[in-house]
Each structure stands twice: as C-alpha cells, then as structure tokens.
Amino acid sequence: MNKLIALCCYALSLYGCDLGGSTFVQREQAGGIDRLHSRVVANPGIARFECIDSASGRCHYTLFDTSCQAAPSALPTQRPACGREPLQRFVLDAGDDKRVAALPAFRPCVRGDAKVPGPDCEVPVALAAR
C-alpha cells in the first residue's frame, strides 16, 4: 500500500502537482573545497538521498523521528521524550543516490565519518574524542 501511495505521489509530481515536501542540503567546506555535500529531498511517500561529494568518499546518513526536535530554548523537561535510536542508518558512496519509500517524518543527519550522532545531529563528546 505504501509503495502505491509513493507511486501516485510521484505520478502527480510529474504533472506539476505539488504535495509539499522538504529539501535538506548539507555542505561543509574547508579552504574552498567540499568536505561534505549532501541533498535530501523528502516528499510525501518517498525521499531521495544524494551523496554529491565527500572527502571520505562516503556519506553516512542517520534518520531521526521529527518528534525528537524541540525549540532550542526549551528546558530539558519541556522537550519531547524520544529514543536516541535512529529510524534508519545507511551509507552512500560519493556520487550515489538512494530512494526510500514509506518513511515517517524524519530529520536527516549526515556525516563524512561513521560516528553516530544523537537526535540533535551532534556526536556525543565521548565518541568525538575517539
């Protein structure tokens, strides 16, 4: 059923029907050279992940449920309870892309290394030192 919905959304988009969506672009540069460049286009029913360039040759994606987000000024007790476990993790080689159907609302975190970020997309201090 989810694949049918994704197919219908894709077909409608070919005819110019915009069902809403989000685009996430992450670009990190050092000395004018891309160290990481990724684009994620999330539409209802399907998301496309593109690892455009990475100094390591790979983009490491970690997807978190959007319920893990809270206003930056919110007190810890006001933040929504959410697990630190990601919805999905995968790796793409630079220049590759991947389409994933039937994802719930998510927040992508992209890194050039294999360190696992938390829901805030930051690597915990204990892991960053390794």
C-alpha atoms as a PDB file:
ATOM      1  CA  MET A   1       0.000   0.000   0.000  1.00  0.00           C
ATOM      2  CA  ASN A   2       2.807   2.436   0.910  1.00  0.00           C
ATOM      3  CA  LYS A   3       4.507   1.802  -2.412  1.00  0.00           C
ATOM      4  CA  LEU A   4       1.242   2.515  -4.231  1.00  0.00           C
ATOM      5  CA  ILE A   5       0.916   5.849  -2.418  1.00  0.00           C
ATOM      6  CA  ALA A   6       4.524   6.710  -3.247  1.00  0.00           C
ATOM      7  CA  LEU A   7       3.918   5.845  -6.905  1.00  0.00           C
ATOM      8  CA  CYS A   8       0.781   8.019  -7.018  1.00  0.00           C
ATOM      9  CA  CYS A   9       2.629  10.960  -5.449  1.00  0.00           C
ATOM     10  CA  TYR A  10       5.446  10.549  -7.960  1.00  0.00           C
ATOM     11  CA  ALA A  11       2.996  10.418 -10.884  1.00  0.00           C
ATOM     12  CA  LEU A  12       1.225  13.558  -9.650  1.00  0.00           C
ATOM     13  CA  SER A  13       4.553  15.371  -9.326  1.00  0.00           C
ATOM     14  CA  LEU A  14       5.266  14.635 -13.000  1.00  0.00           C
ATOM     15  CA  TYR A  15       2.146  16.633 -13.877  1.00  0.00           C
ATOM     16  CA  GLY A  16       3.168  19.583 -11.730  1.00  0.00           C
ATOM     17  CA  CYS A  17       1.071  18.803  -8.651  1.00  0.00           C
ATOM     18  CA  ASP A  18       2.983  19.885  -5.576  1.00  0.00           C
ATOM     19  CA  LEU A  19       2.056  17.881  -2.498  1.00  0.00           C
ATOM     20  CA  GLY A  20       4.560  19.672  -0.276  1.00  0.00           C
ATOM     21  CA  GLY A  21       7.912  18.445   0.860  1.00  0.00           C
ATOM     22  CA  SER A  22      11.247  19.438   2.315  1.00  0.00           C
ATOM     23  CA  THR A  23      14.763  19.749   0.976  1.00  0.00           C
ATOM     24  CA  PHE A  24      17.757  19.425   3.293  1.00  0.00           C
ATOM     25  CA  VAL A  25      21.165  20.450   1.952  1.00  0.00           C
ATOM     26  CA  GLN A  26      24.302  19.975   3.984  1.00  0.00           C
ATOM     27  CA  ARG A  27      27.545  21.419   2.702  1.00  0.00           C
ATOM     28  CA  GLU A  28      30.770  21.601   4.660  1.00  0.00           C
ATOM     29  CA  GLN A  29      33.823  23.255   3.139  1.00  0.00           C
ATOM     30  CA  ALA A  30      37.437  23.735   4.173  1.00  0.00           C
ATOM     31  CA  GLY A  31      39.652  26.065   2.167  1.00  0.00           C
ATOM     32  CA  GLY A  32      37.004  26.357  -0.552  1.00  0.00           C
ATOM     33  CA  ILE A  33      36.925  22.580  -1.080  1.00  0.00           C
ATOM     34  CA  ASP A  34      33.848  20.493  -0.316  1.00  0.00           C
ATOM     35  CA  ARG A  35      34.414  18.131   2.596  1.00  0.00           C
ATOM     36  CA  LEU A  36      30.773  17.012   2.534  1.00  0.00           C
ATOM     37  CA  HIS A  37      27.914  17.861   0.208  1.00  0.00           C
ATOM     38  CA  SER A  38      24.582  16.097   0.519  1.00  0.00           C
ATOM     39  CA  ARG A  39      20.998  16.752  -0.521  1.00  0.00           C
ATOM     40  CA  VAL A  40      17.855  15.066   0.801  1.00  0.00           C
ATOM     41  CA  VAL A  41      14.508  15.719  -0.863  1.00  0.00           C
ATOM     42  CA  ALA A  42      11.611  14.423   1.242  1.00  0.00           C
ATOM     43  CA  ASN A  43       8.171  14.341  -0.354  1.00  0.00           C
ATOM     44  CA  PRO A  44       5.050  12.608   0.924  1.00  0.00           C
ATOM     45  CA  GLY A  45       5.589   8.904   0.408  1.00  0.00           C
ATOM     46  CA  ILE A  46       9.194   8.988  -0.839  1.00  0.00           C
ATOM     47  CA  ALA A  47      12.560  10.532  -0.019  1.00  0.00           C
ATOM     48  CA  ARG A  48      15.654  10.838  -2.213  1.00  0.00           C
ATOM     49  CA  PHE A  49      19.115  10.904  -0.640  1.00  0.00           C
ATOM     50  CA  GLU A  50      22.069  12.186  -2.704  1.00  0.00           C
ATOM     51  CA  CYS A  51      25.692  11.970  -1.616  1.00  0.00           C
ATOM     52  CA  ILE A  52      27.051  14.590  -4.001  1.00  0.00           C
ATOM     53  CA  ASP A  53      30.604  14.696  -2.610  1.00  0.00           C
ATOM     54  CA  SER A  54      32.517  13.651   0.474  1.00  0.00           C
ATOM     55  CA  ALA A  55      36.213  13.903   1.348  1.00  0.00           C
ATOM     56  CA  SER A  56      35.989  10.393   2.828  1.00  0.00           C
ATOM     57  CA  GLY A  57      34.261   9.078  -0.298  1.00  0.00           C
ATOM     58  CA  ARG A  58      31.090   8.268   1.660  1.00  0.00           C
ATOM     59  CA  CYS A  59      28.108   9.970   3.259  1.00  0.00           C
ATOM     60  CA  HIS A  60      26.799   8.386   6.463  1.00  0.00           C
ATOM     61  CA  TYR A  61      23.076   9.059   6.940  1.00  0.00           C
ATOM     62  CA  THR A  62      21.239   8.749  10.242  1.00  0.00           C
ATOM     63  CA  LEU A  63      17.487   9.464  10.261  1.00  0.00           C
ATOM     64  CA  PHE A  64      15.654  10.514  13.417  1.00  0.00           C
ATOM     65  CA  ASP A  65      11.939  10.900  14.063  1.00  0.00           C
ATOM     66  CA  THR A  66      10.958  14.592  13.984  1.00  0.00           C
ATOM     67  CA  SER A  67       9.294  14.232  17.387  1.00  0.00           C
ATOM     68  CA  CYS A  68      12.851  14.365  18.776  1.00  0.00           C
ATOM     69  CA  GLN A  69      13.075  18.041  17.876  1.00  0.00           C
ATOM     70  CA  ALA A  70      12.317  20.763  20.363  1.00  0.00           C
ATOM     71  CA  ALA A  71      12.781  24.503  20.475  1.00  0.00           C
ATOM     72  CA  PRO A  72      16.438  25.249  21.295  1.00  0.00           C
ATOM     73  CA  SER A  73      15.356  27.384  24.246  1.00  0.00           C
ATOM     74  CA  ALA A  74      13.141  24.639  25.714  1.00  0.00           C
ATOM     75  CA  LEU A  75      14.115  23.289  29.093  1.00  0.00           C
ATOM     76  CA  PRO A  76      15.099  19.593  29.133  1.00  0.00           C
ATOM     77  CA  THR A  77      11.833  18.787  30.940  1.00  0.00           C
ATOM     78  CA  GLN A  78       9.858  20.509  28.139  1.00  0.00           C
ATOM     79  CA  ARG A  79      11.486  18.555  25.350  1.00  0.00           C
ATOM     80  CA  PRO A  80       9.547  15.650  23.900  1.00  0.00           C
ATOM     81  CA  ALA A  81      10.541  12.220  25.097  1.00  0.00           C
ATOM     82  CA  CYS A  82      12.125  10.275  22.298  1.00  0.00           C
ATOM     83  CA  GLY A  83      14.505   7.424  21.953  1.00  0.00           C
ATOM     84  CA  ARG A  84      18.023   8.062  20.845  1.00  0.00           C
ATOM     85  CA  GLU A  85      17.676   5.192  18.414  1.00  0.00           C
ATOM     86  CA  PRO A  86      17.519   6.298  14.786  1.00  0.00           C
ATOM     87  CA  LEU A  87      14.764   5.289  12.395  1.00  0.00           C
ATOM     88  CA  GLN A  88      17.386   4.194   9.879  1.00  0.00           C
ATOM     89  CA  ARG A  89      21.131   4.322   9.162  1.00  0.00           C
ATOM     90  CA  PHE A  90      22.835   3.779   5.829  1.00  0.00           C
ATOM     91  CA  VAL A  91      25.904   4.770   3.825  1.00  0.00           C
ATOM     92  CA  LEU A  92      26.138   6.035   0.251  1.00  0.00           C
ATOM     93  CA  ASP A  93      29.276   6.365  -1.825  1.00  0.00           C
ATOM     94  CA  ALA A  94      30.030   9.839  -3.189  1.00  0.00           C
ATOM     95  CA  GLY A  95      28.061  10.337  -6.400  1.00  0.00           C
ATOM     96  CA  ASP A  96      25.362   7.795  -5.486  1.00  0.00           C
ATOM     97  CA  ASP A  97      21.739   8.327  -4.558  1.00  0.00           C
ATOM     98  CA  LYS A  98      19.022   6.256  -2.932  1.00  0.00           C
ATOM     99  CA  ARG A  99      15.239   6.470  -2.815  1.00  0.00           C
ATOM    100  CA  VAL A 100      13.334   5.269   0.232  1.00  0.00           C
ATOM    101  CA  ALA A 101       9.547   4.893   0.316  1.00  0.00           C
ATOM    102  CA  ALA A 102       7.175   4.979   3.266  1.00  0.00           C
ATOM    103  CA  LEU A 103       9.319   6.873   5.779  1.00  0.00           C
ATOM    104  CA  PRO A 104       7.619   8.702   8.650  1.00  0.00           C
ATOM    105  CA  ALA A 105       8.511  12.376   9.141  1.00  0.00           C
ATOM    106  CA  PHE A 106      12.261  12.423   9.765  1.00  0.00           C
ATOM    107  CA  ARG A 107      15.261  14.635  10.351  1.00  0.00           C
ATOM    108  CA  PRO A 108      18.417  13.628   8.460  1.00  0.00           C
ATOM    109  CA  CYS A 109      21.883  13.856   9.989  1.00  0.00           C
ATOM    110  CA  VAL A 110      24.731  13.462   7.508  1.00  0.00           C
ATOM    111  CA  ARG A 111      28.412  12.928   8.291  1.00  0.00           C
ATOM    112  CA  GLY A 112      31.524  12.094   6.341  1.00  0.00           C
ATOM    113  CA  ASP A 113      32.613   9.612   9.009  1.00  0.00           C
ATOM    114  CA  ALA A 114      30.925   6.659  10.702  1.00  0.00           C
ATOM    115  CA  LYS A 115      30.434   8.308  14.125  1.00  0.00           C
ATOM    116  CA  VAL A 116      26.795   8.011  15.198  1.00  0.00           C
ATOM    117  CA  PRO A 117      25.167  11.357  16.014  1.00  0.00           C
ATOM    118  CA  GLY A 118      22.373  11.865  18.510  1.00  0.00           C
ATOM    119  CA  PRO A 119      18.925  13.283  17.675  1.00  0.00           C
ATOM    120  CA  ASP A 120      20.453  16.794  17.708  1.00  0.00           C
ATOM    121  CA  CYS A 121      22.896  15.684  14.947  1.00  0.00           C
ATOM    122  CA  GLU A 122      25.823  16.228  17.309  1.00  0.00           C
ATOM    123  CA  VAL A 123      28.247  13.434  18.127  1.00  0.00           C
ATOM    124  CA  PRO A 124      28.376  12.849  21.907  1.00  0.00           C
ATOM    125  CA  VAL A 125      31.640  14.141  23.422  1.00  0.00           C
ATOM    126  CA  ALA A 126      32.749  10.641  24.496  1.00  0.00           C
ATOM    127  CA  LEU A 127      32.530   9.425  20.870  1.00  0.00           C
ATOM    128  CA  ALA A 128      34.000  12.554  19.311  1.00  0.00           C
ATOM    129  CA  ALA A 129      37.289  12.026  21.202  1.00  0.00           C
ATOM    130  CA  ARG A 130      37.835   8.592  19.624  1.00  0.00           C
END
